[in-house]
Amino acid sequence: MLSEDANDRLVETCTEIASDALRSIVYFTEDDFDQIFLRDYLSADADIRSFVENERGGFRRIPTHEGSELGRYEYTIRRFESGTLVRVLSGNHGVFVTTNEIPIEQYDELAAAVERELNN
């Protein structure tokens, strides 16, 4: 898993961008995951494992979009009734961040910042 220092940088980065809208941050690989941030008003008993399993599917995506006019894959955003999930993959690891609603431009900024942290 990530070092404590890397966890702290990721939390700080996401907090700077999403502020009080930040709900949670989960780091994951093919084999493991770690919830590195959870807002105190959310349940620590939530079924994170099912979210992780779903987001791991990105590791196995078929490269059907490679070379398309859309360009390089950057991130996935999923909108839910009570929040949004942003998933960023880099190599064999990834992060998903959940937030309350924020302006769409902030999701781009959030995903780019998470990708930079994953590549450090």
PDB file of N, CA and C in Angstrom:
ATOM      1  N   MET A   1       0.827  -1.169   0.000  1.00  0.00           N
ATOM      2  CA  MET A   1       0.000   0.000   0.000  1.00  0.00           C
ATOM      3  C   MET A   1       0.887   1.254   0.000  1.00  0.00           C
ATOM      4  N   LEU A   2       0.260   2.383  -0.075  1.00  0.00           N
ATOM      5  CA  LEU A   2       1.008   3.639  -0.101  1.00  0.00           C
ATOM      6  C   LEU A   2       1.652   3.911   1.251  1.00  0.00           C
ATOM      7  N   SER A   3       2.730   4.650   1.240  1.00  0.00           N
ATOM      8  CA  SER A   3       3.363   5.052   2.491  1.00  0.00           C
ATOM      9  C   SER A   3       2.465   6.064   3.201  1.00  0.00           C
ATOM     10  N   GLU A   4       2.708   6.253   4.478  1.00  0.00           N
ATOM     11  CA  GLU A   4       1.930   7.229   5.240  1.00  0.00           C
ATOM     12  C   GLU A   4       2.102   8.630   4.653  1.00  0.00           C
ATOM     13  N   ASP A   5       3.307   8.924   4.204  1.00  0.00           N
ATOM     14  CA  ASP A   5       3.594  10.216   3.584  1.00  0.00           C
ATOM     15  C   ASP A   5       2.783  10.404   2.292  1.00  0.00           C
ATOM     16  N   ALA A   6       2.740   9.365   1.469  1.00  0.00           N
ATOM     17  CA  ALA A   6       1.968   9.432   0.219  1.00  0.00           C
ATOM     18  C   ALA A   6       0.472   9.558   0.514  1.00  0.00           C
ATOM     19  N   ASN A   7      -0.007   8.831   1.522  1.00  0.00           N
ATOM     20  CA  ASN A   7      -1.411   8.960   1.941  1.00  0.00           C
ATOM     21  C   ASN A   7      -1.715  10.399   2.343  1.00  0.00           C
ATOM     22  N   ASP A   8      -0.843  10.975   3.156  1.00  0.00           N
ATOM     23  CA  ASP A   8      -1.051  12.348   3.625  1.00  0.00           C
ATOM     24  C   ASP A   8      -1.084  13.338   2.460  1.00  0.00           C
ATOM     25  N   ARG A   9      -0.172  13.170   1.498  1.00  0.00           N
ATOM     26  CA  ARG A   9      -0.147  14.067   0.329  1.00  0.00           C
ATOM     27  C   ARG A   9      -1.432  13.939  -0.489  1.00  0.00           C
ATOM     28  N   LEU A  10      -1.896  12.710  -0.641  1.00  0.00           N
ATOM     29  CA  LEU A  10      -3.124  12.479  -1.413  1.00  0.00           C
ATOM     30  C   LEU A  10      -4.325  13.113  -0.722  1.00  0.00           C
ATOM     31  N   VAL A  11      -4.437  12.948   0.577  1.00  0.00           N
ATOM     32  CA  VAL A  11      -5.537  13.556   1.332  1.00  0.00           C
ATOM     33  C   VAL A  11      -5.443  15.082   1.253  1.00  0.00           C
ATOM     34  N   GLU A  12      -4.253  15.614   1.422  1.00  0.00           N
ATOM     35  CA  GLU A  12      -4.072  17.063   1.365  1.00  0.00           C
ATOM     36  C   GLU A  12      -4.445  17.602  -0.024  1.00  0.00           C
ATOM     37  N   THR A  13      -4.005  16.925  -1.061  1.00  0.00           N
ATOM     38  CA  THR A  13      -4.294  17.347  -2.433  1.00  0.00           C
ATOM     39  C   THR A  13      -5.792  17.338  -2.709  1.00  0.00           C
ATOM     40  N   CYS A  14      -6.452  16.242  -2.345  1.00  0.00           N
ATOM     41  CA  CYS A  14      -7.894  16.132  -2.593  1.00  0.00           C
ATOM     42  C   CYS A  14      -8.682  17.146  -1.767  1.00  0.00           C
ATOM     43  N   THR A  15      -8.246  17.386  -0.540  1.00  0.00           N
ATOM     44  CA  THR A  15      -8.913  18.364   0.320  1.00  0.00           C
ATOM     45  C   THR A  15      -8.772  19.772  -0.238  1.00  0.00           C
ATOM     46  N   GLU A  16      -7.605  20.097  -0.763  1.00  0.00           N
ATOM     47  CA  GLU A  16      -7.398  21.421  -1.360  1.00  0.00           C
ATOM     48  C   GLU A  16      -8.368  21.672  -2.515  1.00  0.00           C
ATOM     49  N   ILE A  17      -8.649  20.636  -3.288  1.00  0.00           N
ATOM     50  CA  ILE A  17      -9.500  20.805  -4.469  1.00  0.00           C
ATOM     51  C   ILE A  17     -10.979  20.692  -4.123  1.00  0.00           C
ATOM     52  N   ALA A  18     -11.351  19.660  -3.374  1.00  0.00           N
ATOM     53  CA  ALA A  18     -12.767  19.399  -3.102  1.00  0.00           C
ATOM     54  C   ALA A  18     -13.265  20.032  -1.814  1.00  0.00           C
ATOM     55  N   SER A  19     -12.355  20.427  -0.945  1.00  0.00           N
ATOM     56  CA  SER A  19     -12.696  21.080   0.312  1.00  0.00           C
ATOM     57  C   SER A  19     -13.680  20.235   1.122  1.00  0.00           C
ATOM     58  N   ASP A  20     -14.718  20.853   1.642  1.00  0.00           N
ATOM     59  CA  ASP A  20     -15.691  20.143   2.477  1.00  0.00           C
ATOM     60  C   ASP A  20     -16.552  19.162   1.701  1.00  0.00           C
ATOM     61  N   ALA A  21     -16.498  19.207   0.379  1.00  0.00           N
ATOM     62  CA  ALA A  21     -17.265  18.256  -0.442  1.00  0.00           C
ATOM     63  C   ALA A  21     -16.606  16.878  -0.479  1.00  0.00           C
ATOM     64  N   LEU A  22     -15.344  16.781  -0.069  1.00  0.00           N
ATOM     65  CA  LEU A  22     -14.639  15.503  -0.061  1.00  0.00           C
ATOM     66  C   LEU A  22     -15.303  14.555   0.924  1.00  0.00           C
ATOM     67  N   ARG A  23     -15.615  13.352   0.459  1.00  0.00           N
ATOM     68  CA  ARG A  23     -16.258  12.348   1.307  1.00  0.00           C
ATOM     69  C   ARG A  23     -15.292  11.228   1.699  1.00  0.00           C
ATOM     70  N   SER A  24     -14.602  10.659   0.708  1.00  0.00           N
ATOM     71  CA  SER A  24     -13.699   9.542   1.006  1.00  0.00           C
ATOM     72  C   SER A  24     -12.649   9.401  -0.085  1.00  0.00           C
ATOM     73  N   ILE A  25     -11.567   8.700   0.282  1.00  0.00           N
ATOM     74  CA  ILE A  25     -10.504   8.376  -0.666  1.00  0.00           C
ATOM     75  C   ILE A  25     -10.110   6.926  -0.427  1.00  0.00           C
ATOM     76  N   VAL A  26     -10.072   6.147  -1.504  1.00  0.00           N
ATOM     77  CA  VAL A  26      -9.675   4.743  -1.417  1.00  0.00           C
ATOM     78  C   VAL A  26      -8.576   4.482  -2.441  1.00  0.00           C
ATOM     79  N   TYR A  27      -7.459   3.945  -1.968  1.00  0.00           N
ATOM     80  CA  TYR A  27      -6.362   3.507  -2.822  1.00  0.00           C
ATOM     81  C   TYR A  27      -6.542   2.015  -3.028  1.00  0.00           C
ATOM     82  N   PHE A  28      -6.297   1.515  -4.252  1.00  0.00           N
ATOM     83  CA  PHE A  28      -6.459   0.090  -4.503  1.00  0.00           C
ATOM     84  C   PHE A  28      -5.497  -0.432  -5.558  1.00  0.00           C
ATOM     85  N   THR A  29      -5.231  -1.727  -5.451  1.00  0.00           N
ATOM     86  CA  THR A  29      -4.470  -2.474  -6.441  1.00  0.00           C
ATOM     87  C   THR A  29      -5.323  -3.671  -6.839  1.00  0.00           C
ATOM     88  N   GLU A  30      -4.783  -4.557  -7.651  1.00  0.00           N
ATOM     89  CA  GLU A  30      -5.518  -5.774  -8.017  1.00  0.00           C
ATOM     90  C   GLU A  30      -5.818  -6.642  -6.795  1.00  0.00           C
ATOM     91  N   ASP A  31      -4.953  -6.585  -5.795  1.00  0.00           N
ATOM     92  CA  ASP A  31      -5.044  -7.522  -4.673  1.00  0.00           C
ATOM     93  C   ASP A  31      -5.459  -6.927  -3.344  1.00  0.00           C
ATOM     94  N   ASP A  32      -5.429  -5.624  -3.215  1.00  0.00           N
ATOM     95  CA  ASP A  32      -5.654  -5.039  -1.900  1.00  0.00           C
ATOM     96  C   ASP A  32      -6.259  -3.646  -2.041  1.00  0.00           C
ATOM     97  N   PHE A  33      -6.718  -3.095  -0.941  1.00  0.00           N
ATOM     98  CA  PHE A  33      -7.205  -1.718  -0.937  1.00  0.00           C
ATOM     99  C   PHE A  33      -7.067  -1.140   0.459  1.00  0.00           C
ATOM    100  N   ASP A  34      -7.088   0.187   0.507  1.00  0.00           N
ATOM    101  CA  ASP A  34      -6.956   0.883   1.773  1.00  0.00           C
ATOM    102  C   ASP A  34      -7.789   2.158   1.704  1.00  0.00           C
ATOM    103  N   GLN A  35      -8.736   2.290   2.608  1.00  0.00           N
ATOM    104  CA  GLN A  35      -9.496   3.537   2.687  1.00  0.00           C
ATOM    105  C   GLN A  35      -8.647   4.508   3.493  1.00  0.00           C
ATOM    106  N   ILE A  36      -8.116   5.529   2.813  1.00  0.00           N
ATOM    107  CA  ILE A  36      -7.168   6.412   3.482  1.00  0.00           C
ATOM    108  C   ILE A  36      -7.811   7.679   4.031  1.00  0.00           C
ATOM    109  N   PHE A  37      -9.074   7.908   3.668  1.00  0.00           N
ATOM    110  CA  PHE A  37      -9.788   9.061   4.219  1.00  0.00           C
ATOM    111  C   PHE A  37     -11.273   8.744   4.223  1.00  0.00           C
ATOM    112  N   LEU A  38     -11.944   9.118   5.304  1.00  0.00           N
ATOM    113  CA  LEU A  38     -13.394   8.974   5.409  1.00  0.00           C
ATOM    114  C   LEU A  38     -13.922  10.111   6.267  1.00  0.00           C
ATOM    115  N   ARG A  39     -14.839  10.879   5.707  1.00  0.00           N
ATOM    116  CA  ARG A  39     -15.485  11.976   6.441  1.00  0.00           C
ATOM    117  C   ARG A  39     -16.169  11.390   7.670  1.00  0.00           C
ATOM    118  N   ASP A  40     -16.090  12.078   8.798  1.00  0.00           N
ATOM    119  CA  ASP A  40     -16.598  11.535  10.062  1.00  0.00           C
ATOM    120  C   ASP A  40     -18.106  11.316  10.085  1.00  0.00           C
ATOM    121  N   TYR A  41     -18.860  11.959   9.210  1.00  0.00           N
ATOM    122  CA  TYR A  41     -20.308  11.758   9.207  1.00  0.00           C
ATOM    123  C   TYR A  41     -20.738  10.560   8.362  1.00  0.00           C
ATOM    124  N   LEU A  42     -19.775   9.881   7.713  1.00  0.00           N
ATOM    125  CA  LEU A  42     -20.086   8.704   6.901  1.00  0.00           C
ATOM    126  C   LEU A  42     -19.831   7.433   7.691  1.00  0.00           C
ATOM    127  N   SER A  43     -20.503   6.378   7.308  1.00  0.00           N
ATOM    128  CA  SER A  43     -20.388   5.106   8.007  1.00  0.00           C
ATOM    129  C   SER A  43     -19.102   4.375   7.644  1.00  0.00           C
ATOM    130  N   ALA A  44     -18.346   4.019   8.654  1.00  0.00           N
ATOM    131  CA  ALA A  44     -17.130   3.231   8.446  1.00  0.00           C
ATOM    132  C   ALA A  44     -17.472   1.789   8.104  1.00  0.00           C
ATOM    133  N   ASP A  45     -18.742   1.404   8.243  1.00  0.00           N
ATOM    134  CA  ASP A  45     -19.173   0.042   7.956  1.00  0.00           C
ATOM    135  C   ASP A  45     -19.681  -0.131   6.527  1.00  0.00           C
ATOM    136  N   ALA A  46     -19.551   0.893   5.704  1.00  0.00           N
ATOM    137  CA  ALA A  46     -20.029   0.803   4.323  1.00  0.00           C
ATOM    138  C   ALA A  46     -19.276  -0.301   3.580  1.00  0.00           C
ATOM    139  N   ASP A  47     -19.912  -0.868   2.567  1.00  0.00           N
ATOM    140  CA  ASP A  47     -19.332  -1.966   1.807  1.00  0.00           C
ATOM    141  C   ASP A  47     -18.368  -1.432   0.743  1.00  0.00           C
ATOM    142  N   ILE A  48     -17.181  -1.048   1.183  1.00  0.00           N
ATOM    143  CA  ILE A  48     -16.164  -0.510   0.280  1.00  0.00           C
ATOM    144  C   ILE A  48     -15.697  -1.584  -0.698  1.00  0.00           C
ATOM    145  N   ARG A  49     -15.629  -2.822  -0.248  1.00  0.00           N
ATOM    146  CA  ARG A  49     -15.118  -3.923  -1.074  1.00  0.00           C
ATOM    147  C   ARG A  49     -15.864  -4.026  -2.410  1.00  0.00           C
ATOM    148  N   SER A  50     -17.185  -3.854  -2.399  1.00  0.00           N
ATOM    149  CA  SER A  50     -17.931  -3.970  -3.661  1.00  0.00           C
ATOM    150  C   SER A  50     -17.596  -2.819  -4.605  1.00  0.00           C
ATOM    151  N   PHE A  51     -17.384  -1.626  -4.066  1.00  0.00           N
ATOM    152  CA  PHE A  51     -16.954  -0.501  -4.904  1.00  0.00           C
ATOM    153  C   PHE A  51     -15.573  -0.780  -5.491  1.00  0.00           C
ATOM    154  N   VAL A  52     -14.661  -1.277  -4.652  1.00  0.00           N
ATOM    155  CA  VAL A  52     -13.304  -1.579  -5.112  1.00  0.00           C
ATOM    156  C   VAL A  52     -13.351  -2.621  -6.223  1.00  0.00           C
ATOM    157  N   GLU A  53     -14.119  -3.681  -6.025  1.00  0.00           N
ATOM    158  CA  GLU A  53     -14.221  -4.728  -7.053  1.00  0.00           C
ATOM    159  C   GLU A  53     -14.716  -4.147  -8.375  1.00  0.00           C
ATOM    160  N   ASN A  54     -15.688  -3.273  -8.315  1.00  0.00           N
ATOM    161  CA  ASN A  54     -16.201  -2.645  -9.523  1.00  0.00           C
ATOM    162  C   ASN A  54     -15.127  -1.784 -10.194  1.00  0.00           C
ATOM    163  N   GLU A  55     -14.421  -0.976  -9.412  1.00  0.00           N
ATOM    164  CA  GLU A  55     -13.414  -0.075  -9.978  1.00  0.00           C
ATOM    165  C   GLU A  55     -12.182  -0.817 -10.477  1.00  0.00           C
ATOM    166  N   ARG A  56     -11.904  -1.984  -9.927  1.00  0.00           N
ATOM    167  CA  ARG A  56     -10.794  -2.808 -10.426  1.00  0.00           C
ATOM    168  C   ARG A  56     -11.033  -3.264 -11.856  1.00  0.00           C
ATOM    169  N   GLY A  57     -12.265  -3.264 -12.282  1.00  0.00           N
ATOM    170  CA  GLY A  57     -12.575  -3.632 -13.660  1.00  0.00           C
ATOM    171  C   GLY A  57     -11.821  -2.780 -14.661  1.00  0.00           C
ATOM    172  N   GLY A  58     -11.451  -1.582 -14.275  1.00  0.00           N
ATOM    173  CA  GLY A  58     -10.683  -0.706 -15.151  1.00  0.00           C
ATOM    174  C   GLY A  58      -9.305  -1.259 -15.485  1.00  0.00           C
ATOM    175  N   PHE A  59      -8.750  -2.099 -14.610  1.00  0.00           N
ATOM    176  CA  PHE A  59      -7.460  -2.714 -14.901  1.00  0.00           C
ATOM    177  C   PHE A  59      -7.571  -3.687 -16.072  1.00  0.00           C
ATOM    178  N   ARG A  60      -8.770  -4.233 -16.258  1.00  0.00           N
ATOM    179  CA  ARG A  60      -8.984  -5.248 -17.281  1.00  0.00           C
ATOM    180  C   ARG A  60      -9.711  -4.712 -18.507  1.00  0.00           C
ATOM    181  N   ARG A  61      -9.786  -3.408 -18.623  1.00  0.00           N
ATOM    182  CA  ARG A  61     -10.532  -2.841 -19.743  1.00  0.00           C
ATOM    183  C   ARG A  61      -9.871  -3.211 -21.061  1.00  0.00           C
ATOM    184  N   ILE A  62     -10.701  -3.438 -22.037  1.00  0.00           N
ATOM    185  CA  ILE A  62     -10.237  -3.753 -23.381  1.00  0.00           C
ATOM    186  C   ILE A  62      -9.846  -2.439 -24.048  1.00  0.00           C
ATOM    187  N   PRO A  63      -8.694  -2.381 -24.665  1.00  0.00           N
ATOM    188  CA  PRO A  63      -8.218  -1.109 -25.223  1.00  0.00           C
ATOM    189  C   PRO A  63      -8.967  -0.679 -26.494  1.00  0.00           C
ATOM    190  N   THR A  64     -10.294  -0.697 -26.452  1.00  0.00           N
ATOM    191  CA  THR A  64     -11.082  -0.330 -27.621  1.00  0.00           C
ATOM    192  C   THR A  64     -11.005   1.154 -27.940  1.00  0.00           C
ATOM    193  N   HIS A  65     -10.616   1.958 -26.972  1.00  0.00           N
ATOM    194  CA  HIS A  65     -10.569   3.400 -27.185  1.00  0.00           C
ATOM    195  C   HIS A  65      -9.183   3.880 -27.598  1.00  0.00           C
ATOM    196  N   GLU A  66      -8.199   2.987 -27.540  1.00  0.00           N
ATOM    197  CA  GLU A  66      -6.834   3.370 -27.903  1.00  0.00           C
ATOM    198  C   GLU A  66      -6.810   3.875 -29.338  1.00  0.00           C
ATOM    199  N   GLY A  67      -6.199   5.006 -29.545  1.00  0.00           N
ATOM    200  CA  GLY A  67      -6.068   5.553 -30.888  1.00  0.00           C
ATOM    201  C   GLY A  67      -7.332   6.189 -31.443  1.00  0.00           C
ATOM    202  N   SER A  68      -8.348   6.353 -30.606  1.00  0.00           N
ATOM    203  CA  SER A  68      -9.588   6.967 -31.095  1.00  0.00           C
ATOM    204  C   SER A  68      -9.437   8.480 -31.133  1.00  0.00           C
ATOM    205  N   GLU A  69     -10.388   9.117 -31.770  1.00  0.00           N
ATOM    206  CA  GLU A  69     -10.369  10.575 -31.822  1.00  0.00           C
ATOM    207  C   GLU A  69     -10.641  11.203 -30.458  1.00  0.00           C
ATOM    208  N   LEU A  70     -11.033  10.406 -29.482  1.00  0.00           N
ATOM    209  CA  LEU A  70     -11.262  10.922 -28.132  1.00  0.00           C
ATOM    210  C   LEU A  70      -9.967  11.161 -27.378  1.00  0.00           C
ATOM    211  N   GLY A  71      -8.905  10.526 -27.806  1.00  0.00           N
ATOM    212  CA  GLY A  71      -7.620  10.692 -27.131  1.00  0.00           C
ATOM    213  C   GLY A  71      -7.411   9.672 -26.030  1.00  0.00           C
ATOM    214  N   ARG A  72      -6.442   9.931 -25.189  1.00  0.00           N
ATOM    215  CA  ARG A  72      -6.045   9.030 -24.104  1.00  0.00           C
ATOM    216  C   ARG A  72      -7.106   9.009 -23.004  1.00  0.00           C
ATOM    217  N   TYR A  73      -7.348   7.822 -22.447  1.00  0.00           N
ATOM    218  CA  TYR A  73      -8.238   7.693 -21.286  1.00  0.00           C
ATOM    219  C   TYR A  73      -7.630   8.458 -20.116  1.00  0.00           C
ATOM    220  N   GLU A  74      -8.436   9.241 -19.408  1.00  0.00           N
ATOM    221  CA  GLU A  74      -7.936  10.009 -18.272  1.00  0.00           C
ATOM    222  C   GLU A  74      -8.524   9.549 -16.944  1.00  0.00           C
ATOM    223  N   TYR A  75      -9.833   9.489 -16.840  1.00  0.00           N
ATOM    224  CA  TYR A  75     -10.453   9.078 -15.589  1.00  0.00           C
ATOM    225  C   TYR A  75     -11.922   8.730 -15.836  1.00  0.00           C
ATOM    226  N   THR A  76     -12.525   8.131 -14.831  1.00  0.00           N
ATOM    227  CA  THR A  76     -13.942   7.777 -14.868  1.00  0.00           C
ATOM    228  C   THR A  76     -14.665   8.558 -13.792  1.00  0.00           C
ATOM    229  N   ILE A  77     -15.842   9.040 -14.130  1.00  0.00           N
ATOM    230  CA  ILE A  77     -16.669   9.737 -13.151  1.00  0.00           C
ATOM    231  C   ILE A  77     -18.025   9.036 -13.122  1.00  0.00           C
ATOM    232  N   ARG A  78     -18.508   8.754 -11.927  1.00  0.00           N
ATOM    233  CA  ARG A  78     -19.812   8.112 -11.749  1.00  0.00           C
ATOM    234  C   ARG A  78     -20.641   8.988 -10.815  1.00  0.00           C
ATOM    235  N   ARG A  79     -21.813   9.326 -11.272  1.00  0.00           N
ATOM    236  CA  ARG A  79     -22.714  10.188 -10.497  1.00  0.00           C
ATOM    237  C   ARG A  79     -23.753   9.323  -9.810  1.00  0.00           C
ATOM    238  N   PHE A  80     -23.944   9.535  -8.525  1.00  0.00           N
ATOM    239  CA  PHE A  80     -24.934   8.822  -7.726  1.00  0.00           C
ATOM    240  C   PHE A  80     -25.906   9.827  -7.132  1.00  0.00           C
ATOM    241  N   GLU A  81     -26.964   9.345  -6.574  1.00  0.00           N
ATOM    242  CA  GLU A  81     -27.988  10.193  -5.971  1.00  0.00           C
ATOM    243  C   GLU A  81     -27.414  11.117  -4.901  1.00  0.00           C
ATOM    244  N   SER A  82     -26.457  10.604  -4.109  1.00  0.00           N
ATOM    245  CA  SER A  82     -25.941  11.391  -2.990  1.00  0.00           C
ATOM    246  C   SER A  82     -24.466  11.744  -3.116  1.00  0.00           C
ATOM    247  N   GLY A  83     -23.916  11.647  -4.304  1.00  0.00           N
ATOM    248  CA  GLY A  83     -22.508  12.004  -4.456  1.00  0.00           C
ATOM    249  C   GLY A  83     -21.941  11.534  -5.774  1.00  0.00           C
ATOM    250  N   THR A  84     -20.644  11.730  -5.914  1.00  0.00           N
ATOM    251  CA  THR A  84     -19.937  11.401  -7.144  1.00  0.00           C
ATOM    252  C   THR A  84     -18.672  10.633  -6.806  1.00  0.00           C
ATOM    253  N   LEU A  85     -18.327   9.676  -7.661  1.00  0.00           N
ATOM    254  CA  LEU A  85     -17.109   8.903  -7.522  1.00  0.00           C
ATOM    255  C   LEU A  85     -16.221   9.203  -8.730  1.00  0.00           C
ATOM    256  N   VAL A  86     -14.964   9.528  -8.479  1.00  0.00           N
ATOM    257  CA  VAL A  86     -13.979   9.774  -9.525  1.00  0.00           C
ATOM    258  C   VAL A  86     -12.895   8.717  -9.373  1.00  0.00           C
ATOM    259  N   ARG A  87     -12.680   7.934 -10.453  1.00  0.00           N
ATOM    260  CA  ARG A  87     -11.650   6.877 -10.414  1.00  0.00           C
ATOM    261  C   ARG A  87     -10.516   7.244 -11.346  1.00  0.00           C
ATOM    262  N   VAL A  88      -9.292   7.108 -10.839  1.00  0.00           N
ATOM    263  CA  VAL A  88      -8.089   7.349 -11.623  1.00  0.00           C
ATOM    264  C   VAL A  88      -7.218   6.104 -11.526  1.00  0.00           C
ATOM    265  N   LEU A  89      -6.766   5.611 -12.666  1.00  0.00           N
ATOM    266  CA  LEU A  89      -5.882   4.450 -12.713  1.00  0.00           C
ATOM    267  C   LEU A  89      -4.529   4.872 -13.260  1.00  0.00           C
ATOM    268  N   SER A  90      -3.478   4.269 -12.724  1.00  0.00           N
ATOM    269  CA  SER A  90      -2.134   4.495 -13.231  1.00  0.00           C
ATOM    270  C   SER A  90      -1.361   3.196 -13.064  1.00  0.00           C
ATOM    271  N   GLY A  91      -1.113   2.534 -14.169  1.00  0.00           N
ATOM    272  CA  GLY A  91      -0.407   1.255 -14.094  1.00  0.00           C
ATOM    273  C   GLY A  91      -1.227   0.230 -13.341  1.00  0.00           C
ATOM    274  N   ASN A  92      -0.621  -0.337 -12.289  1.00  0.00           N
ATOM    275  CA  ASN A  92      -1.288  -1.405 -11.543  1.00  0.00           C
ATOM    276  C   ASN A  92      -1.905  -0.931 -10.233  1.00  0.00           C
ATOM    277  N   HIS A  93      -2.165   0.377 -10.133  1.00  0.00           N
ATOM    278  CA  HIS A  93      -2.845   0.868  -8.935  1.00  0.00           C
ATOM    279  C   HIS A  93      -3.784   2.012  -9.306  1.00  0.00           C
ATOM    280  N   GLY A  94      -4.703   2.301  -8.382  1.00  0.00           N
ATOM    281  CA  GLY A  94      -5.682   3.339  -8.646  1.00  0.00           C
ATOM    282  C   GLY A  94      -6.212   3.950  -7.362  1.00  0.00           C
ATOM    283  N   VAL A  95      -6.982   4.994  -7.551  1.00  0.00           N
ATOM    284  CA  VAL A  95      -7.621   5.697  -6.440  1.00  0.00           C
ATOM    285  C   VAL A  95      -9.017   6.057  -6.881  1.00  0.00           C
ATOM    286  N   PHE A  96      -9.980   5.895  -5.968  1.00  0.00           N
ATOM    287  CA  PHE A  96     -11.245   6.559  -6.222  1.00  0.00           C
ATOM    288  C   PHE A  96     -11.548   7.495  -5.068  1.00  0.00           C
ATOM    289  N   VAL A  97     -12.095   8.630  -5.454  1.00  0.00           N
ATOM    290  CA  VAL A  97     -12.424   9.705  -4.532  1.00  0.00           C
ATOM    291  C   VAL A  97     -13.916   9.924  -4.626  1.00  0.00           C
ATOM    292  N   THR A  98     -14.591   9.992  -3.494  1.00  0.00           N
ATOM    293  CA  THR A  98     -16.016  10.326  -3.521  1.00  0.00           C
ATOM    294  C   THR A  98     -16.192  11.727  -2.962  1.00  0.00           C
ATOM    295  N   THR A  99     -17.140  12.439  -3.565  1.00  0.00           N
ATOM    296  CA  THR A  99     -17.407  13.817  -3.165  1.00  0.00           C
ATOM    297  C   THR A  99     -18.900  14.080  -3.170  1.00  0.00           C
ATOM    298  N   ASN A 100     -19.280  15.130  -2.481  1.00  0.00           N
ATOM    299  CA  ASN A 100     -20.580  15.737  -2.722  1.00  0.00           C
ATOM    300  C   ASN A 100     -20.426  16.509  -4.023  1.00  0.00           C
ATOM    301  N   GLU A 101     -21.496  17.075  -4.514  1.00  0.00           N
ATOM    302  CA  GLU A 101     -21.429  17.758  -5.804  1.00  0.00           C
ATOM    303  C   GLU A 101     -20.478  18.951  -5.769  1.00  0.00           C
ATOM    304  N   ILE A 102     -19.631  19.017  -6.790  1.00  0.00           N
ATOM    305  CA  ILE A 102     -18.740  20.152  -7.010  1.00  0.00           C
ATOM    306  C   ILE A 102     -18.840  20.531  -8.485  1.00  0.00           C
ATOM    307  N   PRO A 103     -18.388  21.708  -8.871  1.00  0.00           N
ATOM    308  CA  PRO A 103     -18.437  22.093 -10.284  1.00  0.00           C
ATOM    309  C   PRO A 103     -17.633  21.116 -11.152  1.00  0.00           C
ATOM    310  N   ILE A 104     -18.103  20.856 -12.339  1.00  0.00           N
ATOM    311  CA  ILE A 104     -17.499  19.857 -13.230  1.00  0.00           C
ATOM    312  C   ILE A 104     -16.010  20.114 -13.447  1.00  0.00           C
ATOM    313  N   GLU A 105     -15.605  21.361 -13.522  1.00  0.00           N
ATOM    314  CA  GLU A 105     -14.193  21.682 -13.734  1.00  0.00           C
ATOM    315  C   GLU A 105     -13.322  21.148 -12.593  1.00  0.00           C
ATOM    316  N   GLN A 106     -13.884  21.101 -11.404  1.00  0.00           N
ATOM    317  CA  GLN A 106     -13.119  20.606 -10.259  1.00  0.00           C
ATOM    318  C   GLN A 106     -12.861  19.109 -10.365  1.00  0.00           C
ATOM    319  N   TYR A 107     -13.742  18.356 -11.034  1.00  0.00           N
ATOM    320  CA  TYR A 107     -13.484  16.930 -11.225  1.00  0.00           C
ATOM    321  C   TYR A 107     -12.264  16.736 -12.108  1.00  0.00           C
ATOM    322  N   ASP A 108     -12.132  17.557 -13.152  1.00  0.00           N
ATOM    323  CA  ASP A 108     -10.941  17.495 -14.004  1.00  0.00           C
ATOM    324  C   ASP A 108      -9.689  17.782 -13.188  1.00  0.00           C
ATOM    325  N   GLU A 109      -9.746  18.821 -12.374  1.00  0.00           N
ATOM    326  CA  GLU A 109      -8.614  19.204 -11.533  1.00  0.00           C
ATOM    327  C   GLU A 109      -8.289  18.102 -10.516  1.00  0.00           C
ATOM    328  N   LEU A 110      -9.329  17.532  -9.915  1.00  0.00           N
ATOM    329  CA  LEU A 110      -9.160  16.468  -8.935  1.00  0.00           C
ATOM    330  C   LEU A 110      -8.509  15.248  -9.569  1.00  0.00           C
ATOM    331  N   ALA A 111      -9.013  14.829 -10.712  1.00  0.00           N
ATOM    332  CA  ALA A 111      -8.452  13.646 -11.390  1.00  0.00           C
ATOM    333  C   ALA A 111      -7.002  13.870 -11.785  1.00  0.00           C
ATOM    334  N   ALA A 112      -6.677  15.032 -12.310  1.00  0.00           N
ATOM    335  CA  ALA A 112      -5.308  15.328 -12.703  1.00  0.00           C
ATOM    336  C   ALA A 112      -4.363  15.317 -11.495  1.00  0.00           C
ATOM    337  N   ALA A 113      -4.835  15.868 -10.382  1.00  0.00           N
ATOM    338  CA  ALA A 113      -4.016  15.910  -9.165  1.00  0.00           C
ATOM    339  C   ALA A 113      -3.793  14.507  -8.608  1.00  0.00           C
ATOM    340  N   VAL A 114      -4.830  13.679  -8.613  1.00  0.00           N
ATOM    341  CA  VAL A 114      -4.702  12.312  -8.132  1.00  0.00           C
ATOM    342  C   VAL A 114      -3.728  11.534  -9.027  1.00  0.00           C
ATOM    343  N   GLU A 115      -3.833  11.724 -10.331  1.00  0.00           N
ATOM    344  CA  GLU A 115      -2.913  11.049 -11.247  1.00  0.00           C
ATOM    345  C   GLU A 115      -1.463  11.468 -10.978  1.00  0.00           C
ATOM    346  N   ARG A 116      -1.233  12.737 -10.733  1.00  0.00           N
ATOM    347  CA  ARG A 116       0.130  13.197 -10.409  1.00  0.00           C
ATOM    348  C   ARG A 116       0.640  12.505  -9.145  1.00  0.00           C
ATOM    349  N   GLU A 117      -0.217  12.410  -8.136  1.00  0.00           N
ATOM    350  CA  GLU A 117       0.202  11.756  -6.885  1.00  0.00           C
ATOM    351  C   GLU A 117       0.477  10.270  -7.110  1.00  0.00           C
ATOM    352  N   LEU A 118      -0.324   9.608  -7.914  1.00  0.00           N
ATOM    353  CA  LEU A 118      -0.100   8.187  -8.199  1.00  0.00           C
ATOM    354  C   LEU A 118       1.214   7.960  -8.942  1.00  0.00           C
ATOM    355  N   ASN A 119       1.609   8.921  -9.748  1.00  0.00           N
ATOM    356  CA  ASN A 119       2.822   8.779 -10.545  1.00  0.00           C
ATOM    357  C   ASN A 119       4.078   9.265  -9.829  1.00  0.00           C
ATOM    358  N   ASN A 120       3.933   9.789  -8.607  1.00  0.00           N
ATOM    359  CA  ASN A 120       5.108  10.215  -7.827  1.00  0.00           C
ATOM    360  C   ASN A 120       5.790   9.029  -7.193  1.00  0.00           C
TER     361      ASN A 120
END
